[in-house]
Amino acid sequence: MATNPTTRKPATEAEENAEAVPETAEARTERARRAPDVAGPPLGDGDEPVTLILSHHLRINGADYLPGAKIRVSPDYARSLRGQGYVART
């Protein structure tokens, strides 16, 4: 049985002295402005989210969406879901 001869490297001084920096309100609002509540992959630069109505149960990133649910997704992901038959005909 082989063993790993390497040892753990000691933590650097910067890592030891690092403190958690609280997120400011401006940073939260900027992040919310950049990434609206979309399911699936994030939006690309300049993309607007697309609203879809699902025809089948779908789980995206651990969240369950039932048939008939309206979700907002990126245009590329919407195209993929339409091709796979997850979008209801309206």
C-alpha atoms as a PDB file:
ATOM      1  CA  MET A   1       0.000   0.000   0.000  1.00  0.00           C
ATOM      2  CA  ALA A   2       1.459   3.364  -1.040  1.00  0.00           C
ATOM      3  CA  THR A   3       1.633   6.279   1.344  1.00  0.00           C
ATOM      4  CA  ASN A   4       1.799   9.956   0.618  1.00  0.00           C
ATOM      5  CA  PRO A   5       5.157  11.295   1.861  1.00  0.00           C
ATOM      6  CA  THR A   6       4.156  14.957   1.620  1.00  0.00           C
ATOM      7  CA  THR A   7       3.194  16.887   4.701  1.00  0.00           C
ATOM      8  CA  ARG A   8       0.705  19.700   5.093  1.00  0.00           C
ATOM      9  CA  LYS A   9       2.100  23.107   4.376  1.00  0.00           C
ATOM     10  CA  PRO A  10       1.885  25.559   7.269  1.00  0.00           C
ATOM     11  CA  ALA A  11      -0.695  28.304   6.888  1.00  0.00           C
ATOM     12  CA  THR A  12       0.689  31.582   5.669  1.00  0.00           C
ATOM     13  CA  GLU A  13       0.589  34.620   7.875  1.00  0.00           C
ATOM     14  CA  ALA A  14      -2.020  36.262   5.648  1.00  0.00           C
ATOM     15  CA  GLU A  15      -4.365  33.293   6.021  1.00  0.00           C
ATOM     16  CA  GLU A  16      -3.928  33.272   9.781  1.00  0.00           C
ATOM     17  CA  ASN A  17      -4.725  36.966  10.108  1.00  0.00           C
ATOM     18  CA  ALA A  18      -7.599  37.000   7.604  1.00  0.00           C
ATOM     19  CA  GLU A  19     -10.907  38.107   9.077  1.00  0.00           C
ATOM     20  CA  ALA A  20     -14.360  37.745   7.596  1.00  0.00           C
ATOM     21  CA  VAL A  21     -15.295  41.010   5.932  1.00  0.00           C
ATOM     22  CA  PRO A  22     -19.001  41.792   6.256  1.00  0.00           C
ATOM     23  CA  GLU A  23     -20.802  42.453   2.985  1.00  0.00           C
ATOM     24  CA  THR A  24     -21.957  46.035   2.600  1.00  0.00           C
ATOM     25  CA  ALA A  25     -25.447  47.056   1.519  1.00  0.00           C
ATOM     26  CA  GLU A  26     -24.013  48.542  -1.683  1.00  0.00           C
ATOM     27  CA  ALA A  27     -22.352  45.241  -2.569  1.00  0.00           C
ATOM     28  CA  ARG A  28     -25.603  43.338  -1.967  1.00  0.00           C
ATOM     29  CA  THR A  29     -27.644  45.683  -4.162  1.00  0.00           C
ATOM     30  CA  GLU A  30     -24.999  45.569  -6.911  1.00  0.00           C
ATOM     31  CA  ARG A  31     -24.980  41.763  -6.836  1.00  0.00           C
ATOM     32  CA  ALA A  32     -28.793  41.684  -6.944  1.00  0.00           C
ATOM     33  CA  ARG A  33     -28.800  44.084  -9.879  1.00  0.00           C
ATOM     34  CA  ARG A  34     -26.308  41.955 -11.821  1.00  0.00           C
ATOM     35  CA  ALA A  35     -27.945  38.589 -11.129  1.00  0.00           C
ATOM     36  CA  PRO A  36     -31.735  38.713 -11.056  1.00  0.00           C
ATOM     37  CA  ASP A  37     -33.554  35.736  -9.602  1.00  0.00           C
ATOM     38  CA  VAL A  38     -32.998  33.220 -12.379  1.00  0.00           C
ATOM     39  CA  ALA A  39     -33.006  29.437 -12.233  1.00  0.00           C
ATOM     40  CA  GLY A  40     -30.156  27.519 -13.781  1.00  0.00           C
ATOM     41  CA  PRO A  41     -27.030  29.046 -15.303  1.00  0.00           C
ATOM     42  CA  PRO A  42     -26.415  32.770 -14.774  1.00  0.00           C
ATOM     43  CA  LEU A  43     -27.278  35.350 -17.403  1.00  0.00           C
ATOM     44  CA  GLY A  44     -24.688  36.346 -19.958  1.00  0.00           C
ATOM     45  CA  ASP A  45     -23.603  39.945 -20.428  1.00  0.00           C
ATOM     46  CA  GLY A  46     -26.505  42.000 -21.749  1.00  0.00           C
ATOM     47  CA  ASP A  47     -29.016  39.101 -21.613  1.00  0.00           C
ATOM     48  CA  GLU A  48     -32.513  39.579 -20.250  1.00  0.00           C
ATOM     49  CA  PRO A  49     -34.169  36.681 -18.376  1.00  0.00           C
ATOM     50  CA  VAL A  50     -36.901  34.712 -20.167  1.00  0.00           C
ATOM     51  CA  THR A  51     -40.047  33.596 -18.319  1.00  0.00           C
ATOM     52  CA  LEU A  52     -41.176  30.028 -19.050  1.00  0.00           C
ATOM     53  CA  ILE A  53     -44.078  27.854 -17.920  1.00  0.00           C
ATOM     54  CA  LEU A  54     -43.005  24.280 -17.262  1.00  0.00           C
ATOM     55  CA  SER A  55     -44.852  21.269 -18.624  1.00  0.00           C
ATOM     56  CA  HIS A  56     -42.994  18.709 -16.477  1.00  0.00           C
ATOM     57  CA  HIS A  57     -41.425  18.484 -13.033  1.00  0.00           C
ATOM     58  CA  LEU A  58     -37.910  19.899 -13.102  1.00  0.00           C
ATOM     59  CA  ARG A  59     -35.167  20.125 -10.475  1.00  0.00           C
ATOM     60  CA  ILE A  60     -32.658  22.933 -10.964  1.00  0.00           C
ATOM     61  CA  ASN A  61     -29.800  23.408  -8.493  1.00  0.00           C
ATOM     62  CA  GLY A  62     -31.664  21.510  -5.777  1.00  0.00           C
ATOM     63  CA  ALA A  63     -34.933  23.445  -6.179  1.00  0.00           C
ATOM     64  CA  ASP A  64     -38.031  21.585  -7.389  1.00  0.00           C
ATOM     65  CA  TYR A  65     -40.371  23.202  -9.913  1.00  0.00           C
ATOM     66  CA  LEU A  66     -43.740  21.558 -10.536  1.00  0.00           C
ATOM     67  CA  PRO A  67     -45.610  21.470 -13.855  1.00  0.00           C
ATOM     68  CA  GLY A  68     -47.245  24.846 -14.474  1.00  0.00           C
ATOM     69  CA  ALA A  69     -44.621  26.769 -12.501  1.00  0.00           C
ATOM     70  CA  LYS A  70     -43.308  29.988 -14.003  1.00  0.00           C
ATOM     71  CA  ILE A  71     -39.538  30.321 -13.875  1.00  0.00           C
ATOM     72  CA  ARG A  72     -37.079  32.899 -15.157  1.00  0.00           C
ATOM     73  CA  VAL A  73     -34.019  31.557 -16.955  1.00  0.00           C
ATOM     74  CA  SER A  74     -31.283  32.748 -19.288  1.00  0.00           C
ATOM     75  CA  PRO A  75     -32.114  32.725 -23.023  1.00  0.00           C
ATOM     76  CA  ASP A  76     -29.618  29.908 -23.697  1.00  0.00           C
ATOM     77  CA  TYR A  77     -31.085  27.735 -20.947  1.00  0.00           C
ATOM     78  CA  ALA A  78     -34.621  28.484 -22.199  1.00  0.00           C
ATOM     79  CA  ARG A  79     -33.624  27.235 -25.646  1.00  0.00           C
ATOM     80  CA  SER A  80     -32.241  24.051 -24.099  1.00  0.00           C
ATOM     81  CA  LEU A  81     -35.380  23.448 -22.018  1.00  0.00           C
ATOM     82  CA  ARG A  82     -37.620  23.993 -25.073  1.00  0.00           C
ATOM     83  CA  GLY A  83     -35.577  21.471 -27.038  1.00  0.00           C
ATOM     84  CA  GLN A  84     -35.919  18.886 -24.266  1.00  0.00           C
ATOM     85  CA  GLY A  85     -39.704  19.351 -24.016  1.00  0.00           C
ATOM     86  CA  TYR A  86     -39.887  20.962 -20.562  1.00  0.00           C
ATOM     87  CA  VAL A  87     -41.717  24.099 -21.683  1.00  0.00           C
ATOM     88  CA  ALA A  88     -45.520  24.104 -21.924  1.00  0.00           C
ATOM     89  CA  ARG A  89     -47.145  25.188 -25.167  1.00  0.00           C
ATOM     90  CA  THR A  90     -49.048  28.402 -24.675  1.00  0.00           C
END
